C-alpha atoms as a PDB file:
ATOM      1  CA  UNK A   1       0.102   0.074   0.257  1.00  0.00           C
ATOM      2  CA  UNK A   2       1.055   3.666  -0.279  1.00  0.00           C
ATOM      3  CA  UNK A   3       3.118   5.092   2.573  1.00  0.00           C
ATOM      4  CA  UNK A   4       0.991   8.360   2.470  1.00  0.00           C
ATOM      5  CA  UNK A   5      -2.016   6.756   3.152  1.00  0.00           C
ATOM      6  CA  UNK A   6      -0.448   5.564   6.416  1.00  0.00           C
ATOM      7  CA  UNK A   7       0.747   9.147   6.668  1.00  0.00           C
ATOM      8  CA  UNK A   8      -3.200  10.715   6.667  1.00  0.00           C
ATOM      9  CA  UNK A   9      -4.584   7.351   8.952  1.00  0.00           C
ATOM     10  CA  UNK A  10      -1.270   8.147  11.078  1.00  0.00           C
ATOM     11  CA  UNK A  11      -2.229  11.770  11.605  1.00  0.00           C
ATOM     12  CA  UNK A  12      -6.091  11.592  12.030  1.00  0.00           C
ATOM     13  CA  UNK A  13      -5.557   9.256  15.061  1.00  0.00           C
ATOM     14  CA  UNK A  14      -2.792  11.856  16.387  1.00  0.00           C
ATOM     15  CA  UNK A  15      -4.604  14.793  15.539  1.00  0.00           C
ATOM     16  CA  UNK A  16      -8.124  13.541  14.989  1.00  0.00           C
ATOM     17  CA  UNK A  17      -9.145  11.595  17.528  1.00  0.00           C
ATOM     18  CA  UNK A  18      -8.382  13.705  20.620  1.00  0.00           C
ATOM     19  CA  UNK A  19      -9.604  16.231  18.603  1.00  0.00           C
ATOM     20  CA  UNK A  20     -12.973  14.886  18.880  1.00  0.00           C
ATOM     21  CA  UNK A  21     -12.717  13.850  21.856  1.00  0.00           C
ATOM     22  CA  UNK A  22     -12.487  17.148  23.214  1.00  0.00           C
ATOM     23  CA  UNK A  23     -15.536  18.251  21.289  1.00  0.00           C
ATOM     24  CA  UNK A  24     -17.321  15.319  22.659  1.00  0.00           C
ATOM     25  CA  UNK A  25     -16.645  16.251  26.217  1.00  0.00           C
ATOM     26  CA  UNK A  26     -17.366  19.577  25.350  1.00  0.00           C
ATOM     27  CA  UNK A  27     -20.901  19.147  24.366  1.00  0.00           C
ATOM     28  CA  UNK A  28     -21.566  16.814  26.813  1.00  0.00           C
ATOM     29  CA  UNK A  29     -20.566  18.537  29.293  1.00  0.00           C
ATOM     30  CA  UNK A  30     -22.544  21.789  28.160  1.00  0.00           C
ATOM     31  CA  UNK A  31     -25.790  19.316  28.199  1.00  0.00           C
ATOM     32  CA  UNK A  32     -25.471  18.467  31.234  1.00  0.00           C
ATOM     33  CA  UNK A  33     -24.942  21.803  32.778  1.00  0.00           C
ATOM     34  CA  UNK A  34     -27.943  23.125  30.844  1.00  0.00           C
ATOM     35  CA  UNK A  35     -29.963  20.065  31.890  1.00  0.00           C
ATOM     36  CA  UNK A  36     -29.077  20.674  35.710  1.00  0.00           C
ATOM     37  CA  UNK A  37     -29.809  24.883  35.796  1.00  0.00           C
ATOM     38  CA  UNK A  38     -33.342  23.910  34.410  1.00  0.00           C
ATOM     39  CA  UNK A  39     -33.703  21.518  37.198  1.00  0.00           C
ATOM     40  CA  UNK A  40     -32.241  23.705  39.772  1.00  0.00           C
ATOM     41  CA  UNK A  41     -34.679  26.727  38.077  1.00  0.00           C
ATOM     42  CA  UNK A  42     -37.727  24.633  38.327  1.00  0.00           C
ATOM     43  CA  UNK A  43     -36.882  23.802  42.482  1.00  0.00           C
ATOM     44  CA  UNK A  44     -36.013  27.403  43.167  1.00  0.00           C
ATOM     45  CA  UNK A  45     -39.295  28.360  41.843  1.00  0.00           C
ATOM     46  CA  UNK A  46     -40.969  25.517  43.906  1.00  0.00           C
ATOM     47  CA  UNK A  47     -39.231  26.811  47.195  1.00  0.00           C
ATOM     48  CA  UNK A  48     -39.582  30.869  46.497  1.00  0.00           C
ATOM     49  CA  UNK A  49     -41.710  31.215  49.341  1.00  0.00           C
ATOM     50  CA  UNK A  50     -39.905  29.170  52.015  1.00  0.00           C
ATOM     51  CA  UNK A  51     -37.836  32.073  54.021  1.00  0.00           C
ATOM     52  CA  UNK A  52     -34.225  31.484  54.641  1.00  0.00           C
ATOM     53  CA  UNK A  53     -31.856  34.417  55.693  1.00  0.00           C
ATOM     54  CA  UNK A  54     -27.990  34.999  56.841  1.00  0.00           C
ATOM     55  CA  UNK A  55     -29.370  36.605  60.241  1.00  0.00           C
ATOM     56  CA  UNK A  56     -26.793  34.974  62.716  1.00  0.00           C
ATOM     57  CA  UNK A  57     -30.000  35.740  65.136  1.00  0.00           C
ATOM     58  CA  UNK A  58     -33.793  34.650  64.350  1.00  0.00           C
ATOM     59  CA  UNK A  59     -35.798  37.287  63.441  1.00  0.00           C
ATOM     60  CA  UNK A  60     -38.081  38.671  66.252  1.00  0.00           C
ATOM     61  CA  UNK A  61     -41.437  37.987  64.503  1.00  0.00           C
ATOM     62  CA  UNK A  62     -40.532  34.183  64.247  1.00  0.00           C
ATOM     63  CA  UNK A  63     -42.098  32.849  66.841  1.00  0.00           C
ATOM     64  CA  UNK A  64     -40.074  29.596  67.000  1.00  0.00           C
ATOM     65  CA  UNK A  65     -41.430  26.400  68.641  1.00  0.00           C
ATOM     66  CA  UNK A  66     -38.368  24.528  68.162  1.00  0.00           C
ATOM     67  CA  UNK A  67     -35.101  24.000  65.635  1.00  0.00           C
ATOM     68  CA  UNK A  68     -32.219  22.116  64.475  1.00  0.00           C
ATOM     69  CA  UNK A  69     -29.393  22.133  62.308  1.00  0.00           C
ATOM     70  CA  UNK A  70     -29.609  21.289  58.757  1.00  0.00           C
ATOM     71  CA  UNK A  71     -27.600  20.593  55.563  1.00  0.00           C
ATOM     72  CA  UNK A  72     -26.988  20.439  52.011  1.00  0.00           C
ATOM     73  CA  UNK A  73     -24.019  19.611  50.349  1.00  0.00           C
ATOM     74  CA  UNK A  74     -23.163  18.669  46.414  1.00  0.00           C
ATOM     75  CA  UNK A  75     -19.606  18.123  45.099  1.00  0.00           C
ATOM     76  CA  UNK A  76     -19.893  19.229  41.332  1.00  0.00           C
ATOM     77  CA  UNK A  77     -17.357  18.846  39.083  1.00  0.00           C
ATOM     78  CA  UNK A  78     -15.456  20.369  35.539  1.00  0.00           C
ATOM     79  CA  UNK A  79     -15.831  18.734  32.001  1.00  0.00           C
ATOM     80  CA  UNK A  80     -12.707  17.868  30.653  1.00  0.00           C
ATOM     81  CA  UNK A  81     -13.260  20.731  28.294  1.00  0.00           C
ATOM     82  CA  UNK A  82     -13.051  23.186  30.663  1.00  0.00           C
ATOM     83  CA  UNK A  83     -10.454  22.136  32.336  1.00  0.00           C
ATOM     84  CA  UNK A  84      -8.423  22.764  29.596  1.00  0.00           C
ATOM     85  CA  UNK A  85      -9.699  25.669  29.172  1.00  0.00           C
ATOM     86  CA  UNK A  86      -9.147  26.840  32.897  1.00  0.00           C
ATOM     87  CA  UNK A  87      -5.452  25.023  32.653  1.00  0.00           C
ATOM     88  CA  UNK A  88      -4.548  27.850  29.858  1.00  0.00           C
ATOM     89  CA  UNK A  89      -5.750  30.669  31.966  1.00  0.00           C
ATOM     90  CA  UNK A  90      -3.873  29.964  34.038  1.00  0.00           C
ATOM     91  CA  UNK A  91      -1.042  29.745  32.496  1.00  0.00           C
ATOM     92  CA  UNK A  92      -1.751  33.747  31.848  1.00  0.00           C
ATOM     93  CA  UNK A  93      -3.619  34.258  34.737  1.00  0.00           C
ATOM     94  CA  UNK A  94      -6.649  36.380  35.033  1.00  0.00           C
ATOM     95  CA  UNK A  95     -10.351  35.559  35.449  1.00  0.00           C
ATOM     96  CA  UNK A  96     -10.854  31.580  35.300  1.00  0.00           C
ATOM     97  CA  UNK A  97     -14.898  31.876  33.858  1.00  0.00           C
ATOM     98  CA  UNK A  98     -14.986  28.417  33.250  1.00  0.00           C
ATOM     99  CA  UNK A  99     -15.232  27.842  36.952  1.00  0.00           C
ATOM    100  CA  UNK A 100     -17.901  30.393  37.465  1.00  0.00           C
ATOM    101  CA  UNK A 101     -21.043  28.461  36.727  1.00  0.00           C
ATOM    102  CA  UNK A 102     -19.683  25.389  38.231  1.00  0.00           C
ATOM    103  CA  UNK A 103     -19.368  27.496  41.654  1.00  0.00           C
ATOM    104  CA  UNK A 104     -22.875  29.099  40.500  1.00  0.00           C
ATOM    105  CA  UNK A 105     -24.421  25.880  40.361  1.00  0.00           C
ATOM    106  CA  UNK A 106     -23.113  24.322  43.640  1.00  0.00           C
ATOM    107  CA  UNK A 107     -23.973  26.950  45.623  1.00  0.00           C
ATOM    108  CA  UNK A 108     -27.588  27.079  44.349  1.00  0.00           C
ATOM    109  CA  UNK A 109     -27.931  22.957  44.693  1.00  0.00           C
ATOM    110  CA  UNK A 110     -26.124  23.307  47.925  1.00  0.00           C
ATOM    111  CA  UNK A 111     -28.593  25.445  48.958  1.00  0.00           C
ATOM    112  CA  UNK A 112     -31.456  23.638  48.011  1.00  0.00           C
ATOM    113  CA  UNK A 113     -30.692  20.585  49.322  1.00  0.00           C
ATOM    114  CA  UNK A 114     -30.476  22.368  52.693  1.00  0.00           C
ATOM    115  CA  UNK A 115     -33.790  23.529  52.095  1.00  0.00           C
ATOM    116  CA  UNK A 116     -35.969  20.358  50.615  1.00  0.00           C
ATOM    117  CA  UNK A 117     -34.462  18.828  53.753  1.00  0.00           C
ATOM    118  CA  UNK A 118     -35.738  21.324  55.907  1.00  0.00           C
ATOM    119  CA  UNK A 119     -39.135  21.094  54.569  1.00  0.00           C
ATOM    120  CA  UNK A 120     -39.087  17.325  54.524  1.00  0.00           C
ATOM    121  CA  UNK A 121     -38.648  17.599  58.095  1.00  0.00           C
ATOM    122  CA  UNK A 122     -41.911  20.090  58.027  1.00  0.00           C
ATOM    123  CA  UNK A 123     -39.618  23.157  59.551  1.00  0.00           C
ATOM    124  CA  UNK A 124     -41.105  26.191  58.361  1.00  0.00           C
ATOM    125  CA  UNK A 125     -37.836  28.707  57.948  1.00  0.00           C
ATOM    126  CA  UNK A 126     -34.099  28.700  58.253  1.00  0.00           C
ATOM    127  CA  UNK A 127     -31.962  31.181  59.345  1.00  0.00           C
ATOM    128  CA  UNK A 128     -28.048  32.072  60.345  1.00  0.00           C
ATOM    129  CA  UNK A 129     -27.187  30.413  56.823  1.00  0.00           C
ATOM    130  CA  UNK A 130     -23.596  29.756  56.159  1.00  0.00           C
ATOM    131  CA  UNK A 131     -21.930  28.313  53.147  1.00  0.00           C
ATOM    132  CA  UNK A 132     -18.362  26.225  53.012  1.00  0.00           C
ATOM    133  CA  UNK A 133     -16.662  25.598  49.690  1.00  0.00           C
ATOM    134  CA  UNK A 134     -13.924  22.789  49.418  1.00  0.00           C
ATOM    135  CA  UNK A 135     -11.573  22.456  46.487  1.00  0.00           C
ATOM    136  CA  UNK A 136     -11.550  18.500  45.051  1.00  0.00           C
ATOM    137  CA  UNK A 137      -8.270  18.078  43.870  1.00  0.00           C
ATOM    138  CA  UNK A 138      -7.380  15.177  41.523  1.00  0.00           C
ATOM    139  CA  UNK A 139      -5.140  12.156  43.090  1.00  0.00           C
ATOM    140  CA  UNK A 140      -3.008  11.867  40.007  1.00  0.00           C
ATOM    141  CA  UNK A 141       0.606  13.143  40.957  1.00  0.00           C
ATOM    142  CA  UNK A 142       0.243  16.334  39.395  1.00  0.00           C
ATOM    143  CA  UNK A 143      -2.373  16.753  42.202  1.00  0.00           C
ATOM    144  CA  UNK A 144      -2.869  20.664  41.787  1.00  0.00           C
ATOM    145  CA  UNK A 145      -5.011  20.476  38.996  1.00  0.00           C
ATOM    146  CA  UNK A 146      -9.074  20.857  40.592  1.00  0.00           C
ATOM    147  CA  UNK A 147     -11.265  17.716  39.703  1.00  0.00           C
ATOM    148  CA  UNK A 148     -14.625  20.194  41.322  1.00  0.00           C
ATOM    149  CA  UNK A 149     -15.754  21.477  44.465  1.00  0.00           C
ATOM    150  CA  UNK A 150     -17.915  20.496  47.315  1.00  0.00           C
ATOM    151  CA  UNK A 151     -20.628  23.558  48.747  1.00  0.00           C
ATOM    152  CA  UNK A 152     -21.648  23.096  51.915  1.00  0.00           C
ATOM    153  CA  UNK A 153     -24.991  24.877  52.959  1.00  0.00           C
ATOM    154  CA  UNK A 154     -26.276  24.856  56.597  1.00  0.00           C
ATOM    155  CA  UNK A 155     -27.958  26.837  58.916  1.00  0.00           C
ATOM    156  CA  UNK A 156     -30.783  26.612  62.177  1.00  0.00           C
ATOM    157  CA  UNK A 157     -34.100  25.224  60.701  1.00  0.00           C
ATOM    158  CA  UNK A 158     -36.940  26.047  62.916  1.00  0.00           C
ATOM    159  CA  UNK A 159     -40.430  25.267  63.149  1.00  0.00           C
ATOM    160  CA  UNK A 160     -42.877  28.187  64.359  1.00  0.00           C
ATOM    161  CA  UNK A 161     -45.272  27.893  67.586  1.00  0.00           C
ATOM    162  CA  UNK A 162     -48.020  28.699  65.663  1.00  0.00           C
ATOM    163  CA  UNK A 163     -48.435  27.196  61.858  1.00  0.00           C
ATOM    164  CA  UNK A 164     -50.681  30.696  61.105  1.00  0.00           C
ATOM    165  CA  UNK A 165     -47.828  32.941  62.583  1.00  0.00           C
ATOM    166  CA  UNK A 166     -45.840  32.800  59.233  1.00  0.00           C
ATOM    167  CA  UNK A 167     -44.235  35.901  58.994  1.00  0.00           C
ATOM    168  CA  UNK A 168     -44.823  37.737  55.993  1.00  0.00           C
END
C-alpha cells in the first residue's frame, strides 16, 4: 500500500481523535450543565416562598417552637474541556470564567438541598445560613489540578410555634 495513506491515517489518529474527544467532552458537559440549571430553576421556583436568611439571630417576629441544624451539600466537577480551558487561563492569569458556572451550580444546589431537607422534616424557615467551599484535587501525581468543588450550605431550621404565625 501507499505510505501516504498510512501517514494520513497516523495524522488522523494523532490529531483527529483527541480533537473529537475534546469536542465530545465539550458538548456533553454543556448539555449536562444546562440540564442541571433547568432543574435548579424549577426547584428554586417551588421553594421561593420558604424563608431563608443569613442573619445570625432569629428575626423577632419568628415565634419559633423548635429548631435544629440542617445542611445540604453537593460535589460538582468540571468537564474535561473546561478543565483544559482553565489550565490555559492559569498559565497567563486572570479571571477563570469556566469555574463561575460550576460555583453557581454548586451554591444553588447546596442551598436547595438544605431547604428541601428542612421542608421534608416539617420546618418552616431557616436562619443563620452559611456556605463553605472545598476544592477537590485530582489524586494523580500532579495533585494541583481541581477535579471539582464541594459546597456545603447549613443553617438553623425552625418550626413556628403557631403554623398560622408565619412571617410575611
